[in-house]
Amino acid sequence: MLTAEINKKLFRIEVKDSDFSSGKINNEDFITDIIKHNENSFHVIFHNKSYNINILSIDLLEKTVNLKINNNSFNVKLSDELDLLLNKMGINSKTKKIKKELKAPMPGLVVNIPVKKGDIIKHGETLLVLEAMKMENNLKAEHDVTIKNISAKKGKSVEKNEVLIIFE
């Protein structure tokens, strides 16, 4: 089970198969027909309605996805059962470690670094844009930080867990 928050509305999703074509949304059965055009583009028929869905960006740290559905943009916040349990217990906010560096969550190509050494960055601001599997992923600050050093270079490939930016 997972939840998706879209425009402050919460959806409980239970899928029955690995391709997400059937299951329940808010305890209502659903069956979809999904055609994958490429890594970021899908055509979905849901309740006899047609939807063109494009994945614009994914933020793995914040577990958010920016989607364009039939020319309308939506930010979706995803949570799984563990996230929900930790939030319910109040553990998530109390045990969040202050990280001293940003590491690559996956191999990819650095396409943009909108920060520079000495910048003071607020929680949620983009630190670096990493392209992986033809998708741009905005890597954002998990807390307020000051940039101490940037080891990543625009246009260069990075490996998973490679240190990209160091914070003070």
C-alpha atoms as a PDB file:
ATOM      1  CA  MET A   1       0.000   0.000   0.000  1.00  0.00           C
ATOM      2  CA  LEU A   2       1.144   3.507  -0.736  1.00  0.00           C
ATOM      3  CA  THR A   3      -0.354   6.960  -0.652  1.00  0.00           C
ATOM      4  CA  ALA A   4      -0.194   9.780  -3.158  1.00  0.00           C
ATOM      5  CA  GLU A   5      -0.902  13.363  -2.143  1.00  0.00           C
ATOM      6  CA  ILE A   6      -2.077  15.569  -5.003  1.00  0.00           C
ATOM      7  CA  ASN A   7      -3.240  19.140  -4.333  1.00  0.00           C
ATOM      8  CA  LYS A   8      -3.601  18.374  -0.608  1.00  0.00           C
ATOM      9  CA  LYS A   9      -5.891  15.402  -1.382  1.00  0.00           C
ATOM     10  CA  LEU A  10      -4.741  11.970  -0.180  1.00  0.00           C
ATOM     11  CA  PHE A  11      -5.212   8.783  -2.211  1.00  0.00           C
ATOM     12  CA  ARG A  12      -4.627   5.313  -0.724  1.00  0.00           C
ATOM     13  CA  ILE A  13      -3.399   3.008  -3.471  1.00  0.00           C
ATOM     14  CA  GLU A  14      -3.187  -0.771  -3.372  1.00  0.00           C
ATOM     15  CA  VAL A  15      -1.963  -2.478  -6.537  1.00  0.00           C
ATOM     16  CA  LYS A  16      -2.593  -6.120  -7.407  1.00  0.00           C
ATOM     17  CA  ASP A  17       0.105  -6.564 -10.040  1.00  0.00           C
ATOM     18  CA  SER A  18       3.598  -5.322 -10.855  1.00  0.00           C
ATOM     19  CA  ASP A  19       2.501  -3.186 -13.808  1.00  0.00           C
ATOM     20  CA  PHE A  20       0.064  -1.111 -11.690  1.00  0.00           C
ATOM     21  CA  SER A  21      -2.837  -1.985 -13.998  1.00  0.00           C
ATOM     22  CA  SER A  22      -5.292  -3.070 -11.304  1.00  0.00           C
ATOM     23  CA  GLY A  23      -5.993  -2.616  -7.620  1.00  0.00           C
ATOM     24  CA  LYS A  24      -7.845  -0.185  -5.386  1.00  0.00           C
ATOM     25  CA  ILE A  25      -7.769   3.586  -4.958  1.00  0.00           C
ATOM     26  CA  ASN A  26      -9.445   4.705  -1.722  1.00  0.00           C
ATOM     27  CA  ASN A  27     -11.039   1.212  -1.470  1.00  0.00           C
ATOM     28  CA  GLU A  28     -12.558   1.484  -4.978  1.00  0.00           C
ATOM     29  CA  ASP A  29     -11.481  -1.164  -7.511  1.00  0.00           C
ATOM     30  CA  PHE A  30      -9.695   0.057 -10.601  1.00  0.00           C
ATOM     31  CA  ILE A  31      -8.453  -1.456 -13.845  1.00  0.00           C
ATOM     32  CA  THR A  32      -6.327   0.531 -16.265  1.00  0.00           C
ATOM     33  CA  ASP A  33      -4.903   0.016 -19.690  1.00  0.00           C
ATOM     34  CA  ILE A  34      -1.382   1.447 -19.798  1.00  0.00           C
ATOM     35  CA  ILE A  35       0.696   1.943 -22.934  1.00  0.00           C
ATOM     36  CA  LYS A  36       4.279   3.033 -22.366  1.00  0.00           C
ATOM     37  CA  HIS A  37       5.562   5.315 -25.141  1.00  0.00           C
ATOM     38  CA  ASN A  38       9.022   5.789 -23.625  1.00  0.00           C
ATOM     39  CA  GLU A  39      10.652   6.096 -20.189  1.00  0.00           C
ATOM     40  CA  ASN A  40       8.726   9.303 -19.382  1.00  0.00           C
ATOM     41  CA  SER A  41       5.540   9.103 -21.435  1.00  0.00           C
ATOM     42  CA  PHE A  42       2.450   6.929 -20.998  1.00  0.00           C
ATOM     43  CA  HIS A  43      -1.082   6.673 -22.299  1.00  0.00           C
ATOM     44  CA  VAL A  44      -3.600   5.475 -19.694  1.00  0.00           C
ATOM     45  CA  ILE A  45      -7.268   4.566 -19.982  1.00  0.00           C
ATOM     46  CA  PHE A  46      -8.945   4.793 -16.568  1.00  0.00           C
ATOM     47  CA  HIS A  47     -12.735   4.614 -16.056  1.00  0.00           C
ATOM     48  CA  ASN A  48     -13.208   4.869 -19.839  1.00  0.00           C
ATOM     49  CA  LYS A  49     -11.264   8.140 -19.999  1.00  0.00           C
ATOM     50  CA  SER A  50      -8.010   8.692 -21.871  1.00  0.00           C
ATOM     51  CA  TYR A  51      -4.990  10.339 -20.211  1.00  0.00           C
ATOM     52  CA  ASN A  52      -1.607  11.286 -21.666  1.00  0.00           C
ATOM     53  CA  ILE A  53       0.905  11.296 -18.828  1.00  0.00           C
ATOM     54  CA  ASN A  54       4.433  12.697 -18.979  1.00  0.00           C
ATOM     55  CA  ILE A  55       6.883  12.466 -16.097  1.00  0.00           C
ATOM     56  CA  LEU A  56       8.525  15.893 -15.921  1.00  0.00           C
ATOM     57  CA  SER A  57      10.801  15.273 -12.929  1.00  0.00           C
ATOM     58  CA  ILE A  58      11.367  12.963  -9.997  1.00  0.00           C
ATOM     59  CA  ASP A  59      12.878  13.955  -6.658  1.00  0.00           C
ATOM     60  CA  LEU A  60      14.018  10.738  -4.995  1.00  0.00           C
ATOM     61  CA  LEU A  61      14.975  12.401  -1.710  1.00  0.00           C
ATOM     62  CA  GLU A  62      11.598  14.057  -1.197  1.00  0.00           C
ATOM     63  CA  LYS A  63       9.674  11.205  -2.907  1.00  0.00           C
ATOM     64  CA  THR A  64       7.892  13.601  -5.235  1.00  0.00           C
ATOM     65  CA  VAL A  65       6.997  13.362  -8.911  1.00  0.00           C
ATOM     66  CA  ASN A  66       6.026  16.233 -11.188  1.00  0.00           C
ATOM     67  CA  LEU A  67       3.538  14.976 -13.802  1.00  0.00           C
ATOM     68  CA  LYS A  68       1.889  16.542 -16.804  1.00  0.00           C
ATOM     69  CA  ILE A  69      -1.499  14.903 -17.374  1.00  0.00           C
ATOM     70  CA  ASN A  70      -3.445  16.091 -20.440  1.00  0.00           C
ATOM     71  CA  ASN A  71      -1.622  19.472 -20.362  1.00  0.00           C
ATOM     72  CA  ASN A  72      -2.158  19.997 -16.603  1.00  0.00           C
ATOM     73  CA  SER A  73       0.801  19.811 -14.203  1.00  0.00           C
ATOM     74  CA  PHE A  74       0.588  18.032 -10.857  1.00  0.00           C
ATOM     75  CA  ASN A  75       3.067  17.578  -8.014  1.00  0.00           C
ATOM     76  CA  VAL A  76       2.611  14.191  -6.380  1.00  0.00           C
ATOM     77  CA  LYS A  77       4.060  13.289  -2.964  1.00  0.00           C
ATOM     78  CA  LEU A  78       4.397   9.528  -2.513  1.00  0.00           C
ATOM     79  CA  SER A  79       4.584   7.604   0.757  1.00  0.00           C
ATOM     80  CA  ASP A  80       4.833   3.896   1.434  1.00  0.00           C
ATOM     81  CA  GLU A  81       3.742   2.020   4.565  1.00  0.00           C
ATOM     82  CA  LEU A  82       7.052   2.622   6.341  1.00  0.00           C
ATOM     83  CA  ASP A  83       6.886   6.384   5.687  1.00  0.00           C
ATOM     84  CA  LEU A  84       3.341   6.487   7.062  1.00  0.00           C
ATOM     85  CA  LEU A  85       4.285   4.509  10.178  1.00  0.00           C
ATOM     86  CA  LEU A  86       7.323   6.698  10.892  1.00  0.00           C
ATOM     87  CA  ASN A  87       5.266   9.869  10.446  1.00  0.00           C
ATOM     88  CA  LYS A  88       2.501   8.525  12.677  1.00  0.00           C
ATOM     89  CA  MET A  89       5.046   7.744  15.391  1.00  0.00           C
ATOM     90  CA  GLY A  90       6.718  11.132  14.971  1.00  0.00           C
ATOM     91  CA  ILE A  91      10.057   9.476  14.304  1.00  0.00           C
ATOM     92  CA  ASN A  92      10.703  10.940  10.871  1.00  0.00           C
ATOM     93  CA  SER A  93      11.119  14.534  11.981  1.00  0.00           C
ATOM     94  CA  LYS A  94      12.942  13.765  15.227  1.00  0.00           C
ATOM     95  CA  THR A  95      15.636  11.475  13.862  1.00  0.00           C
ATOM     96  CA  LYS A  96      16.451  13.199  10.601  1.00  0.00           C
ATOM     97  CA  LYS A  97      20.222  13.497  10.423  1.00  0.00           C
ATOM     98  CA  ILE A  98      21.832  16.700   9.257  1.00  0.00           C
ATOM     99  CA  LYS A  99      23.807  15.647   6.209  1.00  0.00           C
ATOM    100  CA  LYS A 100      27.172  17.199   5.473  1.00  0.00           C
ATOM    101  CA  GLU A 101      27.245  16.200   1.817  1.00  0.00           C
ATOM    102  CA  LEU A 102      25.074  15.505  -1.193  1.00  0.00           C
ATOM    103  CA  LYS A 103      25.751  12.154  -2.842  1.00  0.00           C
ATOM    104  CA  ALA A 104      24.492  10.940  -6.201  1.00  0.00           C
ATOM    105  CA  PRO A 105      21.449   8.694  -5.565  1.00  0.00           C
ATOM    106  CA  MET A 106      22.080   6.979  -8.931  1.00  0.00           C
ATOM    107  CA  PRO A 107      24.535   7.117 -11.819  1.00  0.00           C
ATOM    108  CA  GLY A 108      23.820   9.973 -14.198  1.00  0.00           C
ATOM    109  CA  LEU A 109      24.898  13.121 -15.986  1.00  0.00           C
ATOM    110  CA  VAL A 110      25.115  16.481 -14.185  1.00  0.00           C
ATOM    111  CA  VAL A 111      23.055  18.879 -16.319  1.00  0.00           C
ATOM    112  CA  ASN A 112      22.886  21.900 -14.002  1.00  0.00           C
ATOM    113  CA  ILE A 113      24.371  23.181 -10.755  1.00  0.00           C
ATOM    114  CA  PRO A 114      22.355  26.279  -9.799  1.00  0.00           C
ATOM    115  CA  VAL A 115      24.419  26.902  -6.627  1.00  0.00           C
ATOM    116  CA  LYS A 116      27.971  28.072  -5.988  1.00  0.00           C
ATOM    117  CA  LYS A 117      30.462  27.912  -3.130  1.00  0.00           C
ATOM    118  CA  GLY A 118      29.353  30.067  -0.208  1.00  0.00           C
ATOM    119  CA  ASP A 119      25.653  30.102  -1.140  1.00  0.00           C
ATOM    120  CA  ILE A 120      23.156  29.736   1.695  1.00  0.00           C
ATOM    121  CA  ILE A 121      20.449  27.352   0.531  1.00  0.00           C
ATOM    122  CA  LYS A 122      17.043  26.829   2.149  1.00  0.00           C
ATOM    123  CA  HIS A 123      15.346  23.455   2.659  1.00  0.00           C
ATOM    124  CA  GLY A 124      13.736  22.262  -0.571  1.00  0.00           C
ATOM    125  CA  GLU A 125      15.804  24.395  -2.943  1.00  0.00           C
ATOM    126  CA  THR A 126      17.493  22.625  -5.856  1.00  0.00           C
ATOM    127  CA  LEU A 127      21.201  21.945  -5.379  1.00  0.00           C
ATOM    128  CA  LEU A 128      21.890  20.010  -8.564  1.00  0.00           C
ATOM    129  CA  VAL A 129      20.047  18.558 -11.564  1.00  0.00           C
ATOM    130  CA  LEU A 130      21.024  14.991 -12.455  1.00  0.00           C
ATOM    131  CA  GLU A 131      19.860  13.292 -15.641  1.00  0.00           C
ATOM    132  CA  ALA A 132      19.344   9.539 -15.349  1.00  0.00           C
ATOM    133  CA  MET A 133      17.384   7.275 -17.709  1.00  0.00           C
ATOM    134  CA  LYS A 134      16.406  10.331 -19.810  1.00  0.00           C
ATOM    135  CA  MET A 135      14.795  12.013 -16.780  1.00  0.00           C
ATOM    136  CA  GLU A 136      15.959  15.128 -15.007  1.00  0.00           C
ATOM    137  CA  ASN A 137      16.055  14.703 -11.237  1.00  0.00           C
ATOM    138  CA  ASN A 138      16.229  17.799  -9.042  1.00  0.00           C
ATOM    139  CA  LEU A 139      18.373  16.991  -6.024  1.00  0.00           C
ATOM    140  CA  LYS A 140      17.162  19.321  -3.292  1.00  0.00           C
ATOM    141  CA  ALA A 141      18.431  20.438   0.082  1.00  0.00           C
ATOM    142  CA  GLU A 142      16.994  18.308   2.881  1.00  0.00           C
ATOM    143  CA  HIS A 143      17.651  21.148   5.335  1.00  0.00           C
ATOM    144  CA  ASP A 144      19.129  24.650   5.280  1.00  0.00           C
ATOM    145  CA  VAL A 145      22.779  24.435   4.192  1.00  0.00           C
ATOM    146  CA  THR A 146      25.762  26.536   3.227  1.00  0.00           C
ATOM    147  CA  ILE A 147      27.771  25.307   0.247  1.00  0.00           C
ATOM    148  CA  LYS A 148      31.371  24.534   1.267  1.00  0.00           C
ATOM    149  CA  ASN A 149      32.618  22.817  -1.906  1.00  0.00           C
ATOM    150  CA  ILE A 150      31.229  21.556  -5.209  1.00  0.00           C
ATOM    151  CA  SER A 151      33.041  18.536  -6.642  1.00  0.00           C
ATOM    152  CA  ALA A 152      30.509  17.802  -9.418  1.00  0.00           C
ATOM    153  CA  LYS A 153      31.024  19.394 -12.815  1.00  0.00           C
ATOM    154  CA  LYS A 154      28.282  20.323 -15.278  1.00  0.00           C
ATOM    155  CA  GLY A 155      28.284  17.937 -18.257  1.00  0.00           C
ATOM    156  CA  LYS A 156      30.214  15.205 -16.406  1.00  0.00           C
ATOM    157  CA  SER A 157      28.947  11.741 -15.495  1.00  0.00           C
ATOM    158  CA  VAL A 158      28.790  10.632 -11.872  1.00  0.00           C
ATOM    159  CA  GLU A 159      28.470   7.244 -10.186  1.00  0.00           C
ATOM    160  CA  LYS A 160      26.016   6.245  -7.470  1.00  0.00           C
ATOM    161  CA  ASN A 161      27.078   7.508  -3.994  1.00  0.00           C
ATOM    162  CA  GLU A 162      29.685   9.850  -5.483  1.00  0.00           C
ATOM    163  CA  VAL A 163      29.992  13.023  -3.386  1.00  0.00           C
ATOM    164  CA  LEU A 164      28.676  15.952  -5.422  1.00  0.00           C
ATOM    165  CA  ILE A 165      28.490  18.837  -2.943  1.00  0.00           C
ATOM    166  CA  ILE A 166      29.894  19.308   0.581  1.00  0.00           C
ATOM    167  CA  PHE A 167      28.085  21.492   3.138  1.00  0.00           C
ATOM    168  CA  GLU A 168      29.510  23.509   6.040  1.00  0.00           C
END
